[in-house]
Amino acid sequence: MKNTLLTLMAVTLLTPALVAQAKQDAAGNTTNKTFKVATDAKIHAADGKVALLTDLKVGDKVGLAYTDSNGTLTADKIHVIGEPKAEPGAKKGEDHKGAKSDTELHARGVITAIDTAAGTIAVDVQQHHKKQ
């Protein structure tokens, strides 16, 4: 009973941001990641129109292209995921404009926090499915 009470007290003291940071997948990896948004990042709304960091909202489902430089994740491209609207005749993965680099990583998830002053977003990243 003491352990349960202590656990309940600890949970009530944690802020939502700390709870989000504590989310882990089955392998023990944190699934909530904070990304620095590059000053020249390409951001697009669900309708494909150019957007700003201030246009993003907590709860938006997004796709990200980013780099990892010694643990600092920097998002170069962010797009809000809405109804898929691939260009006619485009194959899967070809509806993104711009060349992909070898160091570019990709993630998809839901925005859990935005700090426009710091230029960061926190995203609850979904686990990627591996081909079998």
N, C-alpha and C. Protein backbone atom coordinates (compact mmCIF):
# COMPACT_ATOMS: atom_id res chain seq x y z
N MET A 1 0.82 -1.18 0.00
CA MET A 1 0.00 0.00 0.00
C MET A 1 0.87 1.25 0.00
N LYS A 2 1.99 1.23 0.76
CA LYS A 2 2.88 2.38 0.77
C LYS A 2 3.44 2.66 -0.61
N ASN A 3 3.84 1.58 -1.31
CA ASN A 3 4.40 1.75 -2.66
C ASN A 3 3.37 2.34 -3.61
N THR A 4 2.13 1.90 -3.51
CA THR A 4 1.08 2.42 -4.37
C THR A 4 0.84 3.90 -4.08
N LEU A 5 0.81 4.27 -2.82
CA LEU A 5 0.60 5.66 -2.44
C LEU A 5 1.76 6.53 -2.92
N LEU A 6 2.99 6.04 -2.75
CA LEU A 6 4.15 6.79 -3.22
C LEU A 6 4.13 6.95 -4.74
N THR A 7 3.73 5.90 -5.43
CA THR A 7 3.64 5.97 -6.89
C THR A 7 2.61 6.99 -7.32
N LEU A 8 1.45 6.97 -6.68
CA LEU A 8 0.39 7.94 -7.01
C LEU A 8 0.85 9.37 -6.72
N MET A 9 1.55 9.57 -5.63
CA MET A 9 2.04 10.91 -5.30
C MET A 9 3.07 11.36 -6.33
N ALA A 10 3.95 10.47 -6.74
CA ALA A 10 4.98 10.82 -7.72
C ALA A 10 4.35 11.17 -9.06
N VAL A 11 3.35 10.41 -9.47
CA VAL A 11 2.69 10.66 -10.76
C VAL A 11 1.99 12.01 -10.75
N THR A 12 1.35 12.36 -9.65
CA THR A 12 0.64 13.64 -9.60
C THR A 12 1.60 14.82 -9.60
N LEU A 13 2.83 14.61 -9.16
CA LEU A 13 3.82 15.69 -9.14
C LEU A 13 4.50 15.89 -10.49
N LEU A 14 4.46 14.89 -11.34
CA LEU A 14 5.10 15.01 -12.65
C LEU A 14 4.28 15.91 -13.56
N THR A 15 4.96 16.75 -14.29
CA THR A 15 4.26 17.59 -15.27
C THR A 15 3.97 16.76 -16.50
N PRO A 16 3.01 17.18 -17.35
CA PRO A 16 2.74 16.44 -18.57
C PRO A 16 3.97 16.27 -19.45
N ALA A 17 4.84 17.27 -19.47
CA ALA A 17 6.06 17.17 -20.28
C ALA A 17 6.96 16.06 -19.78
N LEU A 18 7.10 15.93 -18.46
CA LEU A 18 7.93 14.87 -17.91
C LEU A 18 7.32 13.50 -18.16
N VAL A 19 6.00 13.43 -18.08
CA VAL A 19 5.33 12.16 -18.37
C VAL A 19 5.57 11.79 -19.82
N ALA A 20 5.47 12.76 -20.73
CA ALA A 20 5.70 12.50 -22.15
C ALA A 20 7.14 12.04 -22.38
N GLN A 21 8.10 12.66 -21.71
CA GLN A 21 9.49 12.26 -21.87
C GLN A 21 9.73 10.87 -21.33
N ALA A 22 8.94 10.44 -20.37
CA ALA A 22 9.14 9.13 -19.76
C ALA A 22 8.54 8.00 -20.59
N LYS A 23 7.76 8.29 -21.62
CA LYS A 23 7.18 7.24 -22.45
C LYS A 23 8.29 6.42 -23.08
N GLN A 24 8.14 5.12 -23.01
CA GLN A 24 9.15 4.25 -23.59
C GLN A 24 8.48 3.15 -24.39
N ASP A 25 9.20 2.67 -25.40
CA ASP A 25 8.70 1.54 -26.16
C ASP A 25 9.13 0.25 -25.47
N ALA A 26 8.79 -0.87 -26.06
CA ALA A 26 9.09 -2.17 -25.47
C ALA A 26 10.58 -2.39 -25.28
N ALA A 27 11.41 -1.78 -26.11
CA ALA A 27 12.86 -1.96 -26.02
C ALA A 27 13.47 -1.00 -25.00
N GLY A 28 12.66 -0.13 -24.39
CA GLY A 28 13.17 0.80 -23.40
C GLY A 28 13.63 2.11 -23.99
N ASN A 29 13.40 2.33 -25.27
CA ASN A 29 13.79 3.59 -25.92
C ASN A 29 12.70 4.63 -25.69
N THR A 30 13.10 5.87 -25.43
CA THR A 30 12.14 6.94 -25.26
C THR A 30 11.47 7.20 -26.60
N THR A 31 10.14 7.24 -26.60
CA THR A 31 9.40 7.47 -27.83
C THR A 31 9.04 8.93 -28.03
N ASN A 32 9.19 9.75 -26.99
CA ASN A 32 8.92 11.17 -27.12
C ASN A 32 10.27 11.85 -27.33
N LYS A 33 10.44 12.46 -28.50
CA LYS A 33 11.71 13.06 -28.85
C LYS A 33 11.52 14.54 -29.13
N THR A 34 12.52 15.33 -28.74
CA THR A 34 12.49 16.76 -28.99
C THR A 34 13.39 17.06 -30.18
N PHE A 35 12.84 17.81 -31.14
CA PHE A 35 13.55 18.17 -32.36
C PHE A 35 13.76 19.68 -32.40
N LYS A 36 14.97 20.10 -32.67
CA LYS A 36 15.25 21.50 -32.97
C LYS A 36 14.79 21.71 -34.41
N VAL A 37 14.00 22.74 -34.65
CA VAL A 37 13.52 23.01 -36.01
C VAL A 37 14.53 23.94 -36.68
N ALA A 38 15.13 23.47 -37.77
CA ALA A 38 16.12 24.27 -38.50
C ALA A 38 15.50 25.59 -38.93
N THR A 39 16.30 26.65 -38.93
CA THR A 39 15.77 27.97 -39.31
C THR A 39 15.27 27.98 -40.75
N ASP A 40 15.83 27.11 -41.60
CA ASP A 40 15.38 27.05 -42.98
C ASP A 40 14.53 25.80 -43.26
N ALA A 41 13.93 25.24 -42.21
CA ALA A 41 13.12 24.02 -42.36
C ALA A 41 11.94 24.28 -43.28
N LYS A 42 11.62 23.27 -44.07
CA LYS A 42 10.44 23.33 -44.93
C LYS A 42 9.28 22.71 -44.15
N ILE A 43 8.27 23.53 -43.87
CA ILE A 43 7.11 23.08 -43.10
C ILE A 43 5.88 23.19 -43.99
N HIS A 44 5.08 22.12 -44.04
CA HIS A 44 3.88 22.11 -44.86
C HIS A 44 2.68 21.66 -44.05
N ALA A 45 1.55 22.33 -44.28
CA ALA A 45 0.29 21.98 -43.66
C ALA A 45 -0.27 20.73 -44.35
N ALA A 46 -1.34 20.18 -43.81
CA ALA A 46 -1.95 18.97 -44.37
C ALA A 46 -2.40 19.17 -45.82
N ASP A 47 -2.75 20.40 -46.19
CA ASP A 47 -3.19 20.67 -47.56
C ASP A 47 -2.02 20.89 -48.51
N GLY A 48 -0.78 20.78 -47.99
CA GLY A 48 0.40 20.93 -48.83
C GLY A 48 0.93 22.35 -48.92
N LYS A 49 0.20 23.29 -48.35
CA LYS A 49 0.66 24.69 -48.39
C LYS A 49 1.79 24.91 -47.40
N VAL A 50 2.66 25.87 -47.74
CA VAL A 50 3.77 26.22 -46.86
C VAL A 50 3.22 26.75 -45.55
N ALA A 51 3.83 26.32 -44.44
CA ALA A 51 3.37 26.73 -43.11
C ALA A 51 4.57 27.21 -42.30
N LEU A 52 4.28 27.76 -41.14
CA LEU A 52 5.30 28.21 -40.20
C LEU A 52 5.23 27.35 -38.94
N LEU A 53 6.26 27.40 -38.14
CA LEU A 53 6.28 26.67 -36.87
C LEU A 53 5.07 27.06 -36.02
N THR A 54 4.70 28.32 -36.07
CA THR A 54 3.56 28.80 -35.28
C THR A 54 2.23 28.25 -35.77
N ASP A 55 2.19 27.68 -36.99
CA ASP A 55 0.96 27.09 -37.52
C ASP A 55 0.74 25.67 -36.99
N LEU A 56 1.79 25.04 -36.46
CA LEU A 56 1.66 23.68 -35.94
C LEU A 56 0.95 23.72 -34.59
N LYS A 57 0.24 22.61 -34.26
CA LYS A 57 -0.49 22.54 -33.01
C LYS A 57 -0.19 21.23 -32.31
N VAL A 58 -0.24 21.26 -30.98
CA VAL A 58 -0.15 20.02 -30.21
C VAL A 58 -1.29 19.13 -30.65
N GLY A 59 -0.99 17.87 -30.92
CA GLY A 59 -1.99 16.92 -31.40
C GLY A 59 -1.91 16.67 -32.90
N ASP A 60 -1.21 17.55 -33.63
CA ASP A 60 -1.02 17.33 -35.07
C ASP A 60 -0.19 16.09 -35.30
N LYS A 61 -0.60 15.27 -36.24
CA LYS A 61 0.19 14.12 -36.66
C LYS A 61 1.13 14.63 -37.75
N VAL A 62 2.44 14.37 -37.58
CA VAL A 62 3.42 14.91 -38.51
C VAL A 62 4.41 13.85 -38.98
N GLY A 63 4.99 14.13 -40.12
CA GLY A 63 6.13 13.37 -40.63
C GLY A 63 7.32 14.31 -40.61
N LEU A 64 8.48 13.78 -40.27
CA LEU A 64 9.68 14.60 -40.15
C LEU A 64 10.84 13.98 -40.91
N ALA A 65 11.65 14.84 -41.50
CA ALA A 65 12.96 14.45 -42.01
C ALA A 65 13.94 15.22 -41.14
N TYR A 66 14.91 14.51 -40.56
CA TYR A 66 15.80 15.16 -39.60
C TYR A 66 17.19 14.56 -39.65
N THR A 67 18.11 15.22 -38.98
CA THR A 67 19.47 14.71 -38.82
C THR A 67 19.75 14.57 -37.34
N ASP A 68 20.66 13.67 -37.02
CA ASP A 68 21.07 13.44 -35.64
C ASP A 68 22.55 13.74 -35.55
N SER A 69 22.89 14.85 -34.91
CA SER A 69 24.29 15.24 -34.75
C SER A 69 24.66 15.11 -33.27
N ASN A 70 25.26 13.99 -32.93
CA ASN A 70 25.66 13.72 -31.53
C ASN A 70 24.50 13.87 -30.56
N GLY A 71 23.34 13.34 -30.92
CA GLY A 71 22.17 13.37 -30.05
C GLY A 71 21.28 14.59 -30.21
N THR A 72 21.72 15.59 -30.98
CA THR A 72 20.86 16.74 -31.26
C THR A 72 20.08 16.45 -32.53
N LEU A 73 18.77 16.35 -32.39
CA LEU A 73 17.90 16.05 -33.52
C LEU A 73 17.43 17.36 -34.14
N THR A 74 17.72 17.55 -35.42
CA THR A 74 17.34 18.79 -36.11
C THR A 74 16.41 18.46 -37.27
N ALA A 75 15.18 18.96 -37.20
CA ALA A 75 14.19 18.72 -38.25
C ALA A 75 14.40 19.69 -39.40
N ASP A 76 14.58 19.14 -40.61
CA ASP A 76 14.75 19.95 -41.82
C ASP A 76 13.44 20.07 -42.58
N LYS A 77 12.59 19.06 -42.45
CA LYS A 77 11.29 19.04 -43.14
C LYS A 77 10.24 18.51 -42.17
N ILE A 78 9.12 19.20 -42.13
CA ILE A 78 7.99 18.78 -41.29
C ILE A 78 6.74 18.91 -42.14
N HIS A 79 5.93 17.87 -42.16
CA HIS A 79 4.64 18.02 -42.84
C HIS A 79 3.54 17.41 -41.97
N VAL A 80 2.44 18.16 -41.87
CA VAL A 80 1.28 17.69 -41.14
C VAL A 80 0.61 16.63 -42.01
N ILE A 81 0.30 15.50 -41.40
CA ILE A 81 -0.28 14.39 -42.14
C ILE A 81 -1.80 14.50 -42.07
N GLY A 82 -2.39 14.59 -43.24
CA GLY A 82 -3.84 14.61 -43.36
C GLY A 82 -4.23 13.47 -44.28
N GLU A 83 -5.21 13.70 -45.08
CA GLU A 83 -5.60 12.71 -46.08
C GLU A 83 -4.49 12.59 -47.11
N PRO A 84 -4.06 11.38 -47.44
CA PRO A 84 -2.99 11.24 -48.44
C PRO A 84 -3.44 11.78 -49.79
N LYS A 85 -2.59 12.61 -50.40
CA LYS A 85 -2.90 13.20 -51.70
C LYS A 85 -1.67 13.08 -52.58
N ALA A 86 -1.34 11.86 -52.96
CA ALA A 86 -0.18 11.64 -53.84
C ALA A 86 -0.50 12.21 -55.21
N GLU A 87 0.54 12.68 -55.86
CA GLU A 87 0.36 13.22 -57.21
C GLU A 87 -0.01 12.08 -58.15
N PRO A 88 -0.83 12.36 -59.16
CA PRO A 88 -1.23 11.31 -60.09
C PRO A 88 -0.01 10.65 -60.72
N GLY A 89 0.01 9.32 -60.70
CA GLY A 89 1.11 8.57 -61.30
C GLY A 89 2.33 8.45 -60.42
N ALA A 90 2.31 9.07 -59.24
CA ALA A 90 3.48 8.99 -58.36
C ALA A 90 3.47 7.68 -57.60
N LYS A 91 4.64 7.11 -57.44
CA LYS A 91 4.78 5.89 -56.65
C LYS A 91 4.93 6.29 -55.19
N LYS A 92 4.65 5.34 -54.29
CA LYS A 92 4.77 5.61 -52.87
C LYS A 92 6.18 6.12 -52.56
N GLY A 93 6.25 7.24 -51.81
CA GLY A 93 7.53 7.82 -51.45
C GLY A 93 8.05 8.84 -52.44
N GLU A 94 7.36 8.99 -53.58
CA GLU A 94 7.82 9.94 -54.59
C GLU A 94 7.10 11.28 -54.53
N ASP A 95 6.13 11.42 -53.64
CA ASP A 95 5.37 12.67 -53.61
C ASP A 95 6.04 13.73 -52.74
N HIS A 96 7.23 13.44 -52.19
CA HIS A 96 7.99 14.44 -51.45
C HIS A 96 8.97 15.09 -52.39
N LYS A 97 9.06 16.39 -52.29
CA LYS A 97 9.98 17.11 -53.16
C LYS A 97 11.31 17.32 -52.45
N GLY A 98 12.39 17.27 -53.21
CA GLY A 98 13.72 17.47 -52.64
C GLY A 98 14.47 16.15 -52.54
N ALA A 99 15.76 16.22 -52.75
CA ALA A 99 16.59 15.03 -52.70
C ALA A 99 16.84 14.61 -51.26
N LYS A 100 16.91 13.30 -51.08
CA LYS A 100 17.19 12.77 -49.76
C LYS A 100 18.69 12.55 -49.63
N SER A 101 19.24 12.90 -48.49
CA SER A 101 20.66 12.66 -48.27
C SER A 101 20.82 11.34 -47.52
N ASP A 102 22.05 10.84 -47.50
CA ASP A 102 22.32 9.58 -46.81
C ASP A 102 22.18 9.71 -45.30
N THR A 103 22.33 10.92 -44.77
CA THR A 103 22.26 11.11 -43.33
C THR A 103 20.87 11.54 -42.86
N GLU A 104 19.93 11.69 -43.77
CA GLU A 104 18.58 12.12 -43.41
C GLU A 104 17.81 10.95 -42.81
N LEU A 105 17.24 11.19 -41.65
CA LEU A 105 16.42 10.20 -40.96
C LEU A 105 14.96 10.63 -41.04
N HIS A 106 14.07 9.70 -40.77
CA HIS A 106 12.64 10.00 -40.87
C HIS A 106 11.90 9.50 -39.64
N ALA A 107 10.90 10.24 -39.26
CA ALA A 107 10.05 9.85 -38.13
C ALA A 107 8.63 10.32 -38.41
N ARG A 108 7.70 9.69 -37.73
CA ARG A 108 6.29 10.05 -37.84
C ARG A 108 5.70 9.94 -36.45
N GLY A 109 4.85 10.89 -36.09
CA GLY A 109 4.23 10.83 -34.78
C GLY A 109 3.32 12.01 -34.52
N VAL A 110 3.00 12.21 -33.25
CA VAL A 110 2.06 13.25 -32.84
C VAL A 110 2.81 14.28 -32.01
N ILE A 111 2.58 15.56 -32.33
CA ILE A 111 3.22 16.64 -31.59
C ILE A 111 2.65 16.69 -30.17
N THR A 112 3.56 16.67 -29.17
CA THR A 112 3.13 16.74 -27.77
C THR A 112 3.46 18.09 -27.13
N ALA A 113 4.38 18.84 -27.73
CA ALA A 113 4.73 20.16 -27.19
C ALA A 113 5.42 20.97 -28.28
N ILE A 114 5.21 22.29 -28.23
CA ILE A 114 5.85 23.21 -29.17
C ILE A 114 6.40 24.38 -28.36
N ASP A 115 7.66 24.72 -28.62
CA ASP A 115 8.26 25.89 -27.99
C ASP A 115 8.77 26.78 -29.13
N THR A 116 7.94 27.74 -29.53
CA THR A 116 8.30 28.59 -30.66
C THR A 116 9.49 29.48 -30.33
N ALA A 117 9.63 29.89 -29.07
CA ALA A 117 10.76 30.73 -28.68
C ALA A 117 12.08 29.99 -28.84
N ALA A 118 12.10 28.72 -28.44
CA ALA A 118 13.32 27.91 -28.56
C ALA A 118 13.44 27.27 -29.94
N GLY A 119 12.34 27.26 -30.70
CA GLY A 119 12.35 26.65 -32.02
C GLY A 119 12.40 25.13 -31.96
N THR A 120 11.65 24.54 -31.02
CA THR A 120 11.64 23.09 -30.87
C THR A 120 10.22 22.54 -30.86
N ILE A 121 10.12 21.27 -31.23
CA ILE A 121 8.86 20.55 -31.07
C ILE A 121 9.19 19.19 -30.45
N ALA A 122 8.28 18.71 -29.62
CA ALA A 122 8.39 17.37 -29.05
C ALA A 122 7.36 16.50 -29.77
N VAL A 123 7.78 15.31 -30.16
CA VAL A 123 6.92 14.42 -30.93
C VAL A 123 6.94 13.04 -30.29
N ASP A 124 5.76 12.48 -30.08
CA ASP A 124 5.65 11.09 -29.63
C ASP A 124 5.80 10.23 -30.88
N VAL A 125 7.00 9.73 -31.09
CA VAL A 125 7.37 9.06 -32.33
C VAL A 125 6.82 7.64 -32.35
N GLN A 126 6.21 7.28 -33.48
CA GLN A 126 5.69 5.91 -33.67
C GLN A 126 6.83 4.99 -34.06
N GLN A 127 6.73 3.75 -33.62
CA GLN A 127 7.72 2.75 -33.99
C GLN A 127 7.55 2.42 -35.45
N HIS A 128 8.68 2.36 -36.20
CA HIS A 128 8.62 1.99 -37.60
C HIS A 128 8.46 0.48 -37.73
N HIS A 129 7.66 0.07 -38.71
CA HIS A 129 7.48 -1.36 -38.96
C HIS A 129 8.59 -1.84 -39.89
N LYS A 130 9.16 -2.97 -39.56
CA LYS A 130 10.21 -3.53 -40.40
C LYS A 130 9.60 -4.52 -41.38
N LYS A 131 10.16 -4.57 -42.59
CA LYS A 131 9.70 -5.55 -43.57
C LYS A 131 10.14 -6.93 -43.12
N GLN A 132 9.27 -7.91 -43.32
CA GLN A 132 9.60 -9.28 -42.91
C GLN A 132 10.02 -10.11 -44.07
